[in-house]
Amino acid sequence: MSIPSVGQDCPDFELPDSDGALVSKATLKPRPFVLYFYPKDDTSGCTTEAIEFTGLIEEFAALGIEVLGVSPDSPAKHCRFRDKHGLKVRLLADEEKSLLQAFGVWAEKSMYGRKYMGVERTTALIGGDGKVAKVWEKVKAGGHAREVLEAAKAMTGGAA
């Protein structure tokens, strides 16, 4: 599958968070939300991204937007990652890669000439109607959370 375009429906999903509670598109609507897809808990880029989103979590909350990190790691691994770094973003476990594949971010990657399947760091801002409002592909972790917050403010009419 390919990454949904702006205006398309966000794929349906139901995934456990780090505490095992199920989160779905249906339970989030009609509130807007952010899905940021990342490769692996506790790696440098993924940690940077999660800490930056955590630092802005109150500003996202003031806009009525929940921030959700999604990776193929297990709920238990997410729990350790969250606790180790004091993360406040909700981390969803997609061990079966159902949402990762539906969103088109589970892709062939290459490192040192070796090809493997992995997560392409991607973020989507989803409107309260369940449609994709904005997508960032091939994200660089540092500074990205602020960029997403500014787009969320623009979408909701929040203060810039």
Protein backbone atom coordinates (compact mmCIF):
# COMPACT_ATOMS: atom_id res chain seq x y z
CA MET A 1 0.00 0.00 0.00
CA SER A 2 1.06 3.58 -0.48
CA ILE A 3 0.95 6.43 1.99
CA PRO A 4 -2.53 7.98 2.03
CA SER A 5 -2.75 11.41 0.41
CA VAL A 6 -4.19 14.52 1.99
CA GLY A 7 -7.98 14.21 1.98
CA GLN A 8 -8.01 10.40 2.01
CA ASP A 9 -9.35 8.42 4.96
CA CYS A 10 -6.85 7.31 7.56
CA PRO A 11 -6.82 3.49 7.51
CA ASP A 12 -8.83 1.85 10.29
CA PHE A 13 -6.76 0.37 13.09
CA GLU A 14 -6.99 -1.12 16.56
CA LEU A 15 -3.67 -1.47 18.36
CA PRO A 16 -2.58 -1.89 21.99
CA ASP A 17 -0.69 0.90 23.72
CA SER A 18 2.20 0.39 26.14
CA ASP A 19 -0.28 -0.50 28.91
CA GLY A 20 -2.24 -2.93 26.73
CA ALA A 21 -5.28 -0.64 26.27
CA LEU A 22 -6.70 -0.83 22.75
CA VAL A 23 -6.69 2.35 20.67
CA SER A 24 -8.56 2.62 17.39
CA LYS A 25 -9.44 5.24 14.84
CA ALA A 26 -13.05 4.88 15.97
CA THR A 27 -12.21 5.63 19.62
CA LEU A 28 -10.19 8.72 18.64
CA LYS A 29 -12.81 10.30 16.37
CA PRO A 30 -14.08 13.01 16.29
CA ARG A 31 -10.86 14.40 17.77
CA PRO A 32 -7.87 15.06 15.52
CA PHE A 33 -4.71 13.08 16.20
CA VAL A 34 -1.09 12.65 15.10
CA LEU A 35 0.32 9.29 14.05
CA TYR A 36 4.09 9.28 13.94
CA PHE A 37 5.62 6.08 12.66
CA TYR A 38 9.12 5.24 13.86
CA PRO A 39 11.43 2.23 13.46
CA LYS A 40 12.46 1.12 16.95
CA ASP A 41 12.23 2.03 20.62
CA ASP A 42 15.30 3.39 22.37
CA THR A 43 17.40 4.19 19.29
CA SER A 44 18.88 7.67 18.97
CA GLY A 45 16.56 9.16 16.32
CA CYS A 46 13.45 7.53 17.73
CA THR A 47 14.31 8.71 21.24
CA THR A 48 14.91 12.26 20.02
CA GLU A 49 11.57 12.30 18.22
CA ALA A 50 9.64 10.88 21.20
CA ILE A 51 11.26 13.33 23.65
CA GLU A 52 10.48 16.29 21.36
CA PHE A 53 6.81 15.25 21.00
CA THR A 54 6.68 14.77 24.79
CA GLY A 55 8.02 18.29 25.30
CA LEU A 56 5.14 19.68 23.23
CA ILE A 57 2.42 17.33 24.48
CA GLU A 58 0.62 20.01 26.51
CA GLU A 59 0.44 22.28 23.45
CA PHE A 60 -1.01 19.45 21.37
CA ALA A 61 -3.48 18.67 24.18
CA ALA A 62 -4.56 22.33 24.30
CA LEU A 63 -5.52 21.94 20.63
CA GLY A 64 -7.45 18.74 21.44
CA ILE A 65 -4.94 16.58 19.55
CA GLU A 66 -3.58 13.26 20.81
CA VAL A 67 -0.06 12.27 19.71
CA LEU A 68 0.48 8.56 19.01
CA GLY A 69 3.80 6.93 18.20
CA VAL A 70 3.58 3.68 16.23
CA SER A 71 6.30 1.05 15.81
CA PRO A 72 6.46 -2.75 15.50
CA ASP A 73 7.82 -3.04 19.07
CA SER A 74 5.78 -4.86 21.73
CA PRO A 75 3.71 -3.13 24.44
CA ALA A 76 6.25 -4.28 27.06
CA LYS A 77 9.13 -2.73 25.10
CA HIS A 78 7.10 0.48 24.67
CA CYS A 79 6.49 0.54 28.43
CA ARG A 80 10.23 0.29 29.18
CA PHE A 81 11.00 2.98 26.56
CA ARG A 82 8.31 5.29 27.97
CA ASP A 83 9.44 4.84 31.56
CA LYS A 84 13.17 5.14 30.82
CA HIS A 85 12.73 8.52 29.08
CA GLY A 86 9.66 9.88 30.89
CA LEU A 87 7.66 9.93 27.66
CA LYS A 88 4.14 11.34 27.66
CA VAL A 89 3.20 10.37 24.11
CA ARG A 90 1.07 7.28 23.76
CA LEU A 91 2.98 4.48 22.05
CA LEU A 92 1.08 1.92 19.96
CA ALA A 93 2.41 -1.57 19.28
CA ASP A 94 1.92 -2.77 15.71
CA GLU A 95 3.65 -6.13 16.02
CA GLU A 96 1.65 -7.56 13.11
CA LYS A 97 2.52 -4.46 11.05
CA SER A 98 -1.12 -4.04 9.99
CA LEU A 99 -1.26 -0.23 10.29
CA LEU A 100 2.36 0.15 9.15
CA GLN A 101 1.48 -1.74 5.95
CA ALA A 102 -1.90 -0.04 5.50
CA PHE A 103 -0.17 3.33 5.79
CA GLY A 104 2.56 2.32 3.34
CA VAL A 105 5.43 2.92 5.77
CA TRP A 106 6.60 -0.71 6.09
CA ALA A 107 9.09 -0.69 3.26
CA GLU A 108 12.31 -2.14 1.93
CA LYS A 109 15.31 -0.27 3.28
CA SER A 110 19.03 -0.61 2.70
CA MET A 111 22.02 -0.18 5.01
CA TYR A 112 25.60 -0.97 4.10
CA GLY A 113 24.37 -2.77 0.98
CA ARG A 114 22.04 -5.05 2.96
CA LYS A 115 18.34 -4.86 2.14
CA TYR A 116 15.72 -5.39 4.85
CA MET A 117 12.15 -4.45 5.72
CA GLY A 118 11.63 -1.61 8.17
CA VAL A 119 9.63 1.48 9.07
CA GLU A 120 10.08 4.63 6.99
CA ARG A 121 9.92 7.46 9.54
CA THR A 122 6.64 9.19 8.57
CA THR A 123 4.10 11.37 10.36
CA ALA A 124 0.45 12.05 9.57
CA LEU A 125 -1.88 14.66 11.02
CA ILE A 126 -5.42 13.27 10.99
CA GLY A 127 -8.41 15.59 11.19
CA GLY A 128 -11.43 15.02 13.40
CA ASP A 129 -13.24 13.68 10.33
CA GLY A 130 -10.72 10.80 10.13
CA LYS A 131 -9.13 12.15 6.95
CA VAL A 132 -5.44 12.81 6.42
CA ALA A 133 -4.79 16.55 6.80
CA LYS A 134 -1.00 16.50 6.27
CA VAL A 135 1.78 13.93 5.76
CA TRP A 136 5.51 14.21 6.34
CA GLU A 137 7.61 11.51 4.65
CA LYS A 138 11.24 10.53 5.30
CA VAL A 139 11.21 12.58 8.49
CA LYS A 140 14.38 13.76 10.21
CA ALA A 141 13.70 13.42 13.95
CA GLY A 142 15.23 16.63 15.31
CA GLY A 143 12.82 19.59 15.16
CA HIS A 144 10.05 17.60 13.51
CA ALA A 145 7.60 17.70 16.44
CA ARG A 146 7.55 21.52 16.34
CA GLU A 147 6.76 21.43 12.61
CA VAL A 148 3.84 19.07 13.26
CA LEU A 149 2.58 21.33 16.07
CA GLU A 150 2.60 24.36 13.78
CA ALA A 151 0.57 22.46 11.17
CA ALA A 152 -1.83 21.31 13.91
CA LYS A 153 -2.30 24.91 15.03
CA ALA A 154 -3.03 25.95 11.45
CA MET A 155 -5.52 23.10 11.04
CA THR A 156 -7.40 23.82 14.27
CA GLY A 157 -7.12 27.61 14.19
CA GLY A 158 -5.02 27.48 17.37
CA ALA A 159 -2.61 30.27 18.25
CA ALA A 160 0.68 30.19 16.37
